[in-house]
Amino acid sequence: MKQSIRKSGRKIVALAAAVCLLAALSVSALAMNLFGLRDMILPSGGIIDNENTNSNTETPASPKIISLQGYSDSKEYQAVAEWMAFLDSYDKDGELLAKVGNGPTGLDEKYSLYLVYTQEMADKLEEIVEKYGLKLHRAIELDLSEEDLYKRAGTGKFLGENNSSFSAYIYEDGTFHIDGEVVLDENRTIAYQMMNCVKGSFTDVILNIGNPEDYNEWTYTTSSGVTVSLSISPSKSLIIADLNNSFVTINVLAGSDPMNGAITTLDLEAFADTFDFSALN
């Protein structure tokens, strides 16, 4: 009987230790953003129409939308989440937009870089940026060359060997987007989209990542010395860097599926090494 009690006591102690360890790991994971993509998912994203879905079949997982401005504890993420929630519920039948049509709204000059076509939308946007202490974008330059991008962004050269940009635009604060490609071994060319969101500004760019359960995620320290988060799914891959002054998301247009480039973990790490993230930090 005593032996049985001792065993139960040891089990209780072991269970308590396991719970404490799990709690500690959870706190560490939160502190280090080890929840990865799940910590970027916007609550208003990922709605699909299941009207024609057969009730006897399994409902496919809803695609998820992520913020490209930061993790969920950042003011940039929280601002875009609030803005997207507002847009999801506003003018759902498109009646107000139809009234505006292609005509002037009287709001174009200040809000031309955002989806704003009524005074109510403008007021909501102003409320959000004031609440989170952010600035609205005022100007954009399109079709920049690689060298012009470096000058406008105020960075050094951050695209390495076998990495080239063929299209780029930049906002007045240094927030920029690149369409480019990287040549890996065996002359495999893989396209990508890079978004560098400067902290302190309101940027409303988002990305559909499909089902987050499909991704294999890990962290990797690049050759530039910056640790990034890497994710691979069958259809696409992602590189994420939370830097001092900006939040970088690289949407790699290749996945693990043979029909989508058959990219491996080593391939994605080599891909990440073609960016000098320290030049952006």
Protein backbone atom coordinates (compact mmCIF):
# COMPACT_ATOMS: atom_id res chain seq x y z
CA MET A 1 0.00 0.00 0.00
CA LYS A 2 2.81 2.37 0.94
CA GLN A 3 4.63 1.49 -2.25
CA SER A 4 1.54 2.35 -4.27
CA ILE A 5 1.23 5.73 -2.52
CA ARG A 6 4.89 6.55 -3.22
CA LYS A 7 4.41 5.74 -6.88
CA SER A 8 1.36 7.99 -7.03
CA GLY A 9 3.34 10.74 -5.31
CA ARG A 10 6.15 10.43 -7.83
CA LYS A 11 3.62 10.56 -10.66
CA ILE A 12 2.08 13.72 -9.21
CA VAL A 13 5.50 15.35 -8.83
CA ALA A 14 6.46 14.31 -12.37
CA LEU A 15 3.18 15.61 -13.74
CA ALA A 16 3.60 18.91 -11.90
CA ALA A 17 7.14 19.23 -13.25
CA ALA A 18 5.90 18.53 -16.76
CA VAL A 19 3.20 21.18 -16.42
CA CYS A 20 5.77 23.70 -15.16
CA LEU A 21 8.09 22.82 -18.04
CA LEU A 22 5.28 23.22 -20.54
CA ALA A 23 4.37 26.59 -19.04
CA ALA A 24 8.01 27.69 -19.16
CA LEU A 25 8.31 26.60 -22.77
CA SER A 26 5.09 28.42 -23.64
CA VAL A 27 6.39 31.64 -22.05
CA SER A 28 9.71 31.26 -23.88
CA ALA A 29 7.96 30.55 -27.15
CA LEU A 30 5.80 33.64 -26.74
CA ALA A 31 8.82 35.77 -25.89
CA MET A 32 10.75 34.54 -28.92
CA ASN A 33 7.76 34.45 -31.31
CA LEU A 34 8.33 30.73 -31.85
CA PHE A 35 4.67 30.34 -32.72
CA GLY A 36 5.68 31.78 -36.09
CA LEU A 37 2.93 32.10 -38.65
CA ARG A 38 0.17 31.62 -36.10
CA ASP A 39 1.36 34.78 -34.38
CA MET A 40 0.83 36.74 -37.62
CA ILE A 41 -2.66 35.49 -38.58
CA LEU A 42 -5.28 38.22 -38.74
CA PRO A 43 -8.51 37.36 -36.90
CA SER A 44 -10.73 38.71 -39.69
CA GLY A 45 -8.97 36.74 -42.42
CA GLY A 46 -9.63 33.28 -43.78
CA ILE A 47 -13.34 33.29 -44.61
CA ILE A 48 -14.41 30.93 -47.38
CA ASP A 49 -17.75 30.26 -49.00
CA ASN A 50 -18.98 26.80 -48.02
CA GLU A 51 -22.47 27.31 -49.43
CA ASN A 52 -22.07 24.56 -52.00
CA THR A 53 -20.10 22.21 -49.77
CA ASN A 54 -21.63 18.74 -49.38
CA SER A 55 -22.42 18.23 -45.69
CA ASN A 56 -21.23 14.62 -45.97
CA THR A 57 -17.73 15.66 -47.01
CA GLU A 58 -14.98 17.11 -44.87
CA THR A 59 -14.90 20.89 -44.97
CA PRO A 60 -11.51 22.13 -46.16
CA ALA A 61 -9.49 24.24 -43.76
CA SER A 62 -10.07 27.94 -44.27
CA PRO A 63 -7.15 29.81 -45.80
CA LYS A 64 -5.53 32.26 -43.39
CA ILE A 65 -4.40 35.82 -43.95
CA ILE A 66 -1.27 37.12 -42.21
CA SER A 67 -0.12 40.61 -41.39
CA LEU A 68 3.17 41.63 -43.02
CA GLN A 69 3.74 44.40 -40.48
CA GLY A 70 4.74 42.42 -37.39
CA TYR A 71 3.75 39.82 -34.82
CA SER A 72 0.51 40.09 -32.85
CA ASP A 73 2.11 41.99 -29.96
CA SER A 74 3.19 44.86 -32.22
CA LYS A 75 1.19 48.05 -32.67
CA GLU A 76 1.57 47.72 -36.45
CA TYR A 77 -0.14 44.31 -36.43
CA GLN A 78 -2.90 45.49 -34.09
CA ALA A 79 -3.60 48.53 -36.27
CA VAL A 80 -3.92 46.54 -39.49
CA ALA A 81 -6.06 43.91 -37.72
CA GLU A 82 -8.47 46.64 -36.61
CA TRP A 83 -8.52 48.21 -40.08
CA MET A 84 -9.17 44.88 -41.82
CA ALA A 85 -11.97 44.06 -39.37
CA PHE A 86 -13.54 47.42 -40.21
CA LEU A 87 -13.23 46.83 -43.97
CA ASP A 88 -14.75 43.35 -43.63
CA SER A 89 -17.90 44.82 -42.08
CA TYR A 90 -18.15 48.07 -44.07
CA ASP A 91 -20.16 48.58 -47.27
CA LYS A 92 -20.61 44.82 -47.68
CA ASP A 93 -23.04 45.22 -50.58
CA GLY A 94 -20.77 47.71 -52.37
CA GLU A 95 -23.52 50.32 -52.57
CA LEU A 96 -21.35 53.21 -51.36
CA LEU A 97 -18.49 52.27 -53.68
CA ALA A 98 -20.91 52.09 -56.62
CA LYS A 99 -22.09 55.63 -55.86
CA VAL A 100 -18.52 56.91 -55.89
CA GLY A 101 -17.58 54.98 -59.03
CA ASN A 102 -14.49 56.38 -60.74
CA GLY A 103 -15.27 59.94 -59.76
CA PRO A 104 -13.35 62.08 -57.25
CA THR A 105 -14.05 61.48 -53.58
CA GLY A 106 -12.45 64.63 -52.22
CA LEU A 107 -10.26 62.31 -50.15
CA ASP A 108 -7.84 61.19 -52.84
CA GLU A 109 -4.87 63.41 -52.05
CA LYS A 110 -4.39 62.33 -48.44
CA TYR A 111 -5.72 58.77 -48.61
CA SER A 112 -4.88 57.73 -52.17
CA LEU A 113 -2.56 54.96 -50.93
CA TYR A 114 -5.35 53.28 -48.93
CA LEU A 115 -8.80 51.84 -49.63
CA VAL A 116 -10.71 54.95 -48.55
CA TYR A 117 -13.67 56.28 -50.53
CA THR A 118 -15.96 57.82 -47.88
CA GLN A 119 -15.44 60.28 -45.05
CA GLU A 120 -16.47 57.57 -42.59
CA MET A 121 -13.60 55.37 -43.81
CA ALA A 122 -11.18 58.29 -43.58
CA ASP A 123 -12.31 59.03 -40.03
CA LYS A 124 -11.85 55.37 -39.02
CA LEU A 125 -8.37 55.25 -40.52
CA GLU A 126 -7.38 58.43 -38.69
CA GLU A 127 -8.79 57.00 -35.46
CA ILE A 128 -6.70 53.83 -35.83
CA VAL A 129 -3.38 55.50 -36.64
CA GLU A 130 -3.85 57.96 -33.78
CA LYS A 131 -4.72 55.13 -31.38
CA TYR A 132 -1.53 53.21 -32.21
CA GLY A 133 0.76 56.18 -32.78
CA LEU A 134 1.46 55.41 -36.44
CA LYS A 135 1.98 57.55 -39.54
CA LEU A 136 0.14 57.27 -42.85
CA HIS A 137 2.10 56.87 -46.06
CA ARG A 138 2.13 60.03 -48.17
CA ALA A 139 3.99 59.13 -51.36
CA ILE A 140 5.19 56.18 -53.42
CA GLU A 141 7.82 55.72 -56.13
CA LEU A 142 7.31 52.93 -58.65
CA ASP A 143 9.53 50.93 -61.01
CA LEU A 144 12.81 51.51 -59.17
CA SER A 145 16.05 49.92 -60.28
CA GLU A 146 18.02 47.94 -57.72
CA GLU A 147 20.54 50.74 -57.24
CA ASP A 148 17.83 53.39 -56.92
CA LEU A 149 16.09 51.24 -54.32
CA TYR A 150 19.24 51.10 -52.17
CA LYS A 151 19.57 54.89 -52.36
CA ARG A 152 15.92 55.62 -51.57
CA ALA A 153 15.81 53.07 -48.73
CA GLY A 154 19.07 54.37 -47.26
CA THR A 155 20.55 50.88 -47.00
CA GLY A 156 23.64 49.24 -48.32
CA LYS A 157 23.42 46.52 -50.93
CA PHE A 158 21.34 43.75 -49.36
CA LEU A 159 20.72 41.48 -52.36
CA GLY A 160 23.62 39.09 -52.66
CA GLU A 161 25.08 37.02 -55.45
CA ASN A 162 22.51 35.24 -57.62
CA ASN A 163 19.75 37.43 -56.15
CA SER A 164 18.25 40.11 -58.36
CA SER A 165 15.31 42.51 -58.34
CA PHE A 166 13.31 43.09 -61.51
CA SER A 167 10.63 45.37 -60.03
CA ALA A 168 10.41 47.49 -56.88
CA TYR A 169 8.46 50.30 -55.29
CA ILE A 170 9.11 52.33 -52.15
CA TYR A 171 7.16 54.61 -49.82
CA GLU A 172 8.49 57.88 -48.43
CA ASP A 173 9.58 56.28 -45.13
CA GLY A 174 11.63 53.46 -46.68
CA THR A 175 8.94 50.77 -46.67
CA PHE A 176 9.43 48.86 -49.91
CA HIS A 177 8.34 45.89 -52.01
CA ILE A 178 10.49 43.83 -54.38
CA ASP A 179 9.63 41.28 -57.05
CA GLY A 180 12.81 39.31 -57.64
CA GLU A 181 14.41 35.95 -58.21
CA VAL A 182 17.20 33.82 -56.79
CA VAL A 183 19.27 31.30 -58.73
CA LEU A 184 20.05 28.26 -56.58
CA ASP A 185 22.32 25.35 -57.43
CA GLU A 186 21.77 23.49 -60.70
CA ASN A 187 20.56 26.81 -62.16
CA ARG A 188 17.15 26.58 -60.49
CA THR A 189 15.54 30.01 -60.63
CA ILE A 190 12.95 30.74 -57.93
CA ALA A 191 10.86 33.91 -57.84
CA TYR A 192 9.97 35.79 -54.68
CA GLN A 193 8.10 38.81 -53.33
CA MET A 194 9.74 40.77 -50.52
CA MET A 195 7.97 43.27 -48.25
CA ASN A 196 10.00 45.45 -45.89
CA CYS A 197 7.62 47.33 -43.56
CA VAL A 198 9.25 50.15 -41.62
CA LYS A 199 8.06 50.25 -38.02
CA GLY A 200 6.01 53.27 -36.98
CA SER A 201 4.10 53.53 -40.25
CA PHE A 202 0.70 52.15 -41.20
CA THR A 203 1.11 49.68 -44.08
CA ASP A 204 -1.95 47.60 -44.96
CA VAL A 205 -0.39 44.88 -47.15
CA ILE A 206 -1.48 41.34 -46.21
CA LEU A 207 -0.82 37.81 -47.53
CA ASN A 208 -2.91 34.65 -47.95
CA ILE A 209 -0.82 31.69 -46.73
CA GLY A 210 -3.43 28.96 -47.10
CA ASN A 211 -3.54 26.47 -44.23
CA PRO A 212 -0.88 27.20 -41.56
CA GLU A 213 -0.96 23.52 -40.56
CA ASP A 214 0.71 22.73 -43.90
CA TYR A 215 3.92 24.55 -42.95
CA ASN A 216 7.10 23.17 -41.43
CA GLU A 217 8.69 26.01 -39.43
CA TRP A 218 12.12 26.55 -37.89
CA THR A 219 14.60 29.32 -37.10
CA TYR A 220 17.89 29.82 -38.93
CA THR A 221 20.85 32.15 -38.44
CA THR A 222 21.79 33.49 -41.85
CA SER A 223 25.28 34.17 -43.16
CA SER A 224 24.67 37.86 -42.35
CA GLY A 225 24.34 36.91 -38.67
CA VAL A 226 20.61 37.67 -38.41
CA THR A 227 18.25 34.95 -37.19
CA VAL A 228 15.12 34.51 -39.31
CA SER A 229 12.04 32.28 -39.26
CA LEU A 230 11.68 29.87 -42.17
CA SER A 231 8.53 28.02 -43.26
CA ILE A 232 7.87 25.53 -46.05
CA SER A 233 4.51 24.25 -47.28
CA PRO A 234 3.76 22.12 -50.34
CA SER A 235 2.87 25.22 -52.37
CA LYS A 236 5.04 28.08 -51.07
CA SER A 237 7.71 29.08 -48.54
CA LEU A 238 8.27 32.09 -46.28
CA ILE A 239 11.23 33.90 -44.76
CA ILE A 240 10.43 36.27 -41.87
CA ALA A 241 12.80 38.68 -40.11
CA ASP A 242 11.78 40.92 -37.21
CA LEU A 243 14.48 43.59 -37.41
CA ASN A 244 15.18 46.65 -35.28
CA ASN A 245 13.63 49.14 -37.69
CA SER A 246 11.44 47.02 -39.95
CA PHE A 247 9.58 43.75 -40.37
CA VAL A 248 10.52 41.70 -43.43
CA THR A 249 8.43 39.01 -45.11
CA ILE A 250 9.72 37.16 -48.18
CA ASN A 251 7.09 35.14 -50.02
CA VAL A 252 9.07 32.45 -51.86
CA LEU A 253 7.10 31.16 -54.83
CA ALA A 254 8.13 27.52 -54.44
CA GLY A 255 7.16 24.74 -52.06
CA SER A 256 8.07 21.19 -51.15
CA ASP A 257 5.70 19.63 -53.70
CA PRO A 258 7.49 18.45 -56.88
CA MET A 259 4.90 20.37 -58.92
CA ASN A 260 5.83 23.57 -57.06
CA GLY A 261 9.62 23.55 -57.18
CA ALA A 262 10.44 20.75 -54.72
CA ILE A 263 12.32 23.18 -52.46
CA THR A 264 14.01 21.62 -49.41
CA THR A 265 14.96 23.00 -46.00
CA LEU A 266 18.56 23.36 -47.16
CA ASP A 267 17.37 25.15 -50.30
CA LEU A 268 15.38 27.66 -48.24
CA GLU A 269 18.33 28.28 -45.93
CA ALA A 270 20.55 28.88 -48.96
CA PHE A 271 17.84 31.18 -50.33
CA ALA A 272 17.81 33.19 -47.08
CA ASP A 273 21.60 33.51 -47.23
CA THR A 274 21.32 35.51 -50.47
CA PHE A 275 19.88 38.42 -48.43
CA ASP A 276 22.06 40.59 -46.19
CA PHE A 277 19.52 41.28 -43.45
CA SER A 278 22.15 43.15 -41.42
CA ALA A 279 22.05 45.93 -44.03
CA LEU A 280 18.37 46.43 -43.20
CA ASN A 281 18.73 46.13 -39.41
